[in-house]
Amino acid sequence: MEKQAQEIDRENFAVEERLAYLESEEYKKKEAKDKLGLRDPGEFVVFVKPRVSQENNSIDSEISPANSVTPNDPIISNPLKWWQYFFK
């Protein structure tokens, strides 16, 4: 019986934590952004859509020659690649 009581206490604690999170401003803000498309002042949202092929309506998986990597190319970090993609 004591083990069951301890298990129920742990479950109650987990439910109370979850409830506290669901009532928090952080959760409300996240849901407003995700479901309603709202944003904070000064914040901007970037949508990245995959290219869709006209022939069969599938995602285009071809790599263009400009984006291909050759053995002699310098290795560029992902953050730098994203920076170049959005700001150049």
N, C-alpha and C. Protein backbone atom coordinates (compact mmCIF):
# COMPACT_ATOMS: atom_id res chain seq x y z
N MET A 1 0.82 -1.20 0.00
CA MET A 1 0.00 0.00 0.00
C MET A 1 0.86 1.27 0.00
N GLU A 2 1.99 1.20 0.72
CA GLU A 2 2.86 2.38 0.77
C GLU A 2 3.47 2.66 -0.60
N LYS A 3 3.83 1.61 -1.33
CA LYS A 3 4.38 1.79 -2.68
C LYS A 3 3.35 2.43 -3.59
N GLN A 4 2.11 1.98 -3.48
CA GLN A 4 1.04 2.56 -4.30
C GLN A 4 0.83 4.03 -3.93
N ALA A 5 0.90 4.33 -2.65
CA ALA A 5 0.72 5.71 -2.19
C ALA A 5 1.86 6.60 -2.72
N GLN A 6 3.08 6.07 -2.70
CA GLN A 6 4.21 6.83 -3.22
C GLN A 6 4.06 7.05 -4.73
N GLU A 7 3.62 6.02 -5.44
CA GLU A 7 3.42 6.14 -6.89
C GLU A 7 2.34 7.17 -7.20
N ILE A 8 1.26 7.15 -6.45
CA ILE A 8 0.19 8.12 -6.65
C ILE A 8 0.69 9.53 -6.33
N ASP A 9 1.51 9.67 -5.30
CA ASP A 9 2.09 10.99 -4.97
C ASP A 9 2.96 11.50 -6.11
N ARG A 10 3.77 10.60 -6.69
CA ARG A 10 4.62 11.01 -7.83
C ARG A 10 3.77 11.41 -9.03
N GLU A 11 2.73 10.65 -9.30
CA GLU A 11 1.83 10.99 -10.41
C GLU A 11 1.14 12.33 -10.16
N ASN A 12 0.70 12.55 -8.93
CA ASN A 12 0.07 13.83 -8.59
C ASN A 12 1.04 14.99 -8.77
N PHE A 13 2.28 14.79 -8.35
CA PHE A 13 3.29 15.84 -8.51
C PHE A 13 3.52 16.14 -9.99
N ALA A 14 3.60 15.08 -10.81
CA ALA A 14 3.81 15.28 -12.25
C ALA A 14 2.62 16.03 -12.86
N VAL A 15 1.40 15.68 -12.43
CA VAL A 15 0.22 16.36 -12.96
C VAL A 15 0.21 17.82 -12.52
N GLU A 16 0.59 18.09 -11.27
CA GLU A 16 0.64 19.47 -10.78
C GLU A 16 1.67 20.30 -11.55
N GLU A 17 2.83 19.69 -11.83
CA GLU A 17 3.85 20.39 -12.62
C GLU A 17 3.34 20.70 -14.02
N ARG A 18 2.70 19.73 -14.64
CA ARG A 18 2.16 19.92 -15.99
C ARG A 18 1.10 21.02 -16.00
N LEU A 19 0.23 20.99 -15.00
CA LEU A 19 -0.81 22.01 -14.89
C LEU A 19 -0.20 23.39 -14.69
N ALA A 20 0.82 23.48 -13.85
CA ALA A 20 1.49 24.77 -13.63
C ALA A 20 2.10 25.28 -14.93
N TYR A 21 2.70 24.39 -15.72
CA TYR A 21 3.28 24.80 -17.01
C TYR A 21 2.18 25.27 -17.97
N LEU A 22 1.07 24.53 -18.02
CA LEU A 22 0.00 24.89 -18.94
C LEU A 22 -0.65 26.23 -18.57
N GLU A 23 -0.55 26.62 -17.33
CA GLU A 23 -1.10 27.90 -16.89
C GLU A 23 -0.08 29.03 -16.95
N SER A 24 1.16 28.73 -17.29
CA SER A 24 2.23 29.73 -17.29
C SER A 24 2.16 30.64 -18.51
N GLU A 25 2.76 31.81 -18.37
CA GLU A 25 2.84 32.77 -19.49
C GLU A 25 3.68 32.21 -20.63
N GLU A 26 4.71 31.45 -20.28
CA GLU A 26 5.58 30.85 -21.30
C GLU A 26 4.78 29.96 -22.24
N TYR A 27 3.92 29.12 -21.68
CA TYR A 27 3.11 28.22 -22.49
C TYR A 27 2.11 29.01 -23.34
N LYS A 28 1.47 30.00 -22.74
CA LYS A 28 0.50 30.81 -23.48
C LYS A 28 1.17 31.52 -24.65
N LYS A 29 2.36 32.03 -24.42
CA LYS A 29 3.10 32.73 -25.48
C LYS A 29 3.47 31.76 -26.60
N LYS A 30 3.94 30.56 -26.23
CA LYS A 30 4.32 29.56 -27.22
C LYS A 30 3.11 29.15 -28.06
N GLU A 31 1.99 28.90 -27.44
CA GLU A 31 0.79 28.51 -28.16
C GLU A 31 0.29 29.63 -29.07
N ALA A 32 0.37 30.87 -28.60
CA ALA A 32 -0.06 32.00 -29.42
C ALA A 32 0.81 32.10 -30.67
N LYS A 33 2.09 31.84 -30.52
CA LYS A 33 2.98 31.89 -31.68
C LYS A 33 2.72 30.71 -32.62
N ASP A 34 2.61 29.52 -32.06
CA ASP A 34 2.46 28.32 -32.89
C ASP A 34 1.09 28.24 -33.57
N LYS A 35 0.04 28.48 -32.83
CA LYS A 35 -1.30 28.24 -33.36
C LYS A 35 -1.97 29.47 -33.95
N LEU A 36 -1.60 30.65 -33.46
CA LEU A 36 -2.26 31.86 -33.95
C LEU A 36 -1.36 32.69 -34.86
N GLY A 37 -0.08 32.32 -34.96
CA GLY A 37 0.83 33.05 -35.83
C GLY A 37 1.24 34.41 -35.28
N LEU A 38 1.09 34.63 -33.98
CA LEU A 38 1.48 35.91 -33.39
C LEU A 38 2.98 35.94 -33.18
N ARG A 39 3.51 37.14 -32.98
CA ARG A 39 4.94 37.29 -32.73
C ARG A 39 5.17 38.46 -31.80
N ASP A 40 6.36 38.51 -31.21
CA ASP A 40 6.73 39.61 -30.32
C ASP A 40 7.12 40.82 -31.14
N PRO A 41 7.01 42.02 -30.58
CA PRO A 41 7.48 43.22 -31.30
C PRO A 41 8.98 43.09 -31.59
N GLY A 42 9.36 43.41 -32.80
CA GLY A 42 10.77 43.34 -33.20
C GLY A 42 11.20 41.95 -33.66
N GLU A 43 10.35 40.97 -33.51
CA GLU A 43 10.67 39.61 -33.91
C GLU A 43 10.18 39.39 -35.33
N PHE A 44 10.94 38.65 -36.13
CA PHE A 44 10.47 38.33 -37.46
C PHE A 44 10.48 36.82 -37.66
N VAL A 45 9.63 36.34 -38.52
CA VAL A 45 9.46 34.92 -38.74
C VAL A 45 9.92 34.58 -40.14
N VAL A 46 10.63 33.48 -40.28
CA VAL A 46 11.12 33.04 -41.57
C VAL A 46 10.50 31.68 -41.85
N PHE A 47 9.86 31.55 -43.01
CA PHE A 47 9.30 30.28 -43.45
C PHE A 47 10.19 29.72 -44.53
N VAL A 48 10.56 28.46 -44.39
CA VAL A 48 11.38 27.79 -45.40
C VAL A 48 10.54 26.66 -45.98
N LYS A 49 10.21 26.79 -47.27
CA LYS A 49 9.40 25.78 -47.93
C LYS A 49 10.28 25.01 -48.90
N PRO A 50 10.12 23.68 -48.97
CA PRO A 50 10.88 22.91 -49.96
C PRO A 50 10.33 23.19 -51.36
N ARG A 51 11.22 23.09 -52.33
CA ARG A 51 10.77 23.26 -53.71
C ARG A 51 9.98 22.03 -54.12
N VAL A 52 8.91 22.22 -54.85
CA VAL A 52 8.08 21.12 -55.33
C VAL A 52 8.24 21.02 -56.84
N SER A 53 8.51 19.82 -57.31
CA SER A 53 8.68 19.59 -58.74
C SER A 53 7.34 19.76 -59.45
N GLN A 54 7.33 20.38 -60.61
CA GLN A 54 6.11 20.58 -61.38
C GLN A 54 5.62 19.28 -62.00
N GLU A 55 6.54 18.36 -62.28
CA GLU A 55 6.19 17.15 -63.00
C GLU A 55 5.36 16.18 -62.17
N ASN A 56 5.79 15.90 -60.94
CA ASN A 56 5.09 14.88 -60.16
C ASN A 56 4.72 15.36 -58.76
N ASN A 57 4.75 16.66 -58.52
CA ASN A 57 4.41 17.25 -57.23
C ASN A 57 5.15 16.61 -56.06
N SER A 58 6.38 16.23 -56.26
CA SER A 58 7.20 15.71 -55.17
C SER A 58 8.26 16.74 -54.84
N ILE A 59 8.84 16.60 -53.68
CA ILE A 59 9.88 17.53 -53.27
C ILE A 59 11.09 17.33 -54.17
N ASP A 60 11.62 18.43 -54.68
CA ASP A 60 12.76 18.39 -55.59
C ASP A 60 14.02 18.08 -54.78
N SER A 61 14.65 16.96 -55.07
CA SER A 61 15.82 16.56 -54.30
C SER A 61 17.12 16.77 -55.07
N GLU A 62 17.05 17.42 -56.21
CA GLU A 62 18.26 17.66 -56.97
C GLU A 62 19.11 18.72 -56.29
N ILE A 63 20.40 18.56 -56.39
CA ILE A 63 21.33 19.55 -55.86
C ILE A 63 21.87 20.33 -57.03
N SER A 64 21.74 21.63 -56.94
CA SER A 64 22.24 22.45 -58.03
C SER A 64 23.76 22.51 -57.98
N PRO A 65 24.41 22.73 -59.12
CA PRO A 65 25.87 22.76 -59.13
C PRO A 65 26.46 23.82 -58.22
N ALA A 66 25.75 24.92 -58.01
CA ALA A 66 26.27 25.98 -57.14
C ALA A 66 26.31 25.53 -55.69
N ASN A 67 25.45 24.58 -55.32
CA ASN A 67 25.39 24.13 -53.94
C ASN A 67 26.17 22.85 -53.69
N SER A 68 26.73 22.25 -54.74
CA SER A 68 27.44 21.00 -54.54
C SER A 68 28.82 21.28 -53.92
N VAL A 69 29.32 20.29 -53.21
CA VAL A 69 30.59 20.43 -52.52
C VAL A 69 31.63 19.61 -53.24
N THR A 70 32.77 20.21 -53.50
CA THR A 70 33.88 19.49 -54.11
C THR A 70 34.96 19.31 -53.05
N PRO A 71 35.86 18.36 -53.24
CA PRO A 71 36.89 18.12 -52.23
C PRO A 71 37.76 19.34 -51.92
N ASN A 72 37.89 20.27 -52.86
CA ASN A 72 38.76 21.43 -52.65
C ASN A 72 38.04 22.59 -51.96
N ASP A 73 36.72 22.50 -51.77
CA ASP A 73 35.98 23.58 -51.13
C ASP A 73 36.31 23.63 -49.64
N PRO A 74 36.39 24.85 -49.09
CA PRO A 74 36.61 24.94 -47.65
C PRO A 74 35.36 24.50 -46.91
N ILE A 75 35.54 23.97 -45.72
CA ILE A 75 34.40 23.54 -44.92
C ILE A 75 33.82 24.76 -44.22
N ILE A 76 32.50 24.97 -44.40
CA ILE A 76 31.82 26.12 -43.83
C ILE A 76 30.84 25.61 -42.78
N SER A 77 30.82 26.26 -41.63
CA SER A 77 29.91 25.83 -40.56
C SER A 77 28.46 26.11 -40.94
N ASN A 78 27.55 25.35 -40.36
CA ASN A 78 26.13 25.52 -40.65
C ASN A 78 25.63 26.93 -40.32
N PRO A 79 25.98 27.50 -39.16
CA PRO A 79 25.50 28.86 -38.89
C PRO A 79 25.96 29.86 -39.95
N LEU A 80 27.18 29.71 -40.43
CA LEU A 80 27.67 30.60 -41.46
C LEU A 80 26.93 30.38 -42.78
N LYS A 81 26.61 29.13 -43.10
CA LYS A 81 25.83 28.86 -44.31
C LYS A 81 24.46 29.51 -44.23
N TRP A 82 23.79 29.41 -43.07
CA TRP A 82 22.48 30.04 -42.91
C TRP A 82 22.59 31.55 -43.01
N TRP A 83 23.62 32.12 -42.38
CA TRP A 83 23.83 33.57 -42.45
C TRP A 83 23.97 34.00 -43.91
N GLN A 84 24.78 33.28 -44.68
CA GLN A 84 24.96 33.60 -46.08
C GLN A 84 23.68 33.41 -46.87
N TYR A 85 22.90 32.41 -46.54
CA TYR A 85 21.65 32.15 -47.26
C TYR A 85 20.66 33.29 -47.06
N PHE A 86 20.53 33.77 -45.83
CA PHE A 86 19.52 34.80 -45.56
C PHE A 86 19.99 36.22 -45.80
N PHE A 87 21.30 36.48 -45.66
CA PHE A 87 21.75 37.87 -45.71
C PHE A 87 22.68 38.20 -46.86
N LYS A 88 22.84 37.31 -47.80
CA LYS A 88 23.65 37.64 -48.98
C LYS A 88 22.85 37.49 -50.22
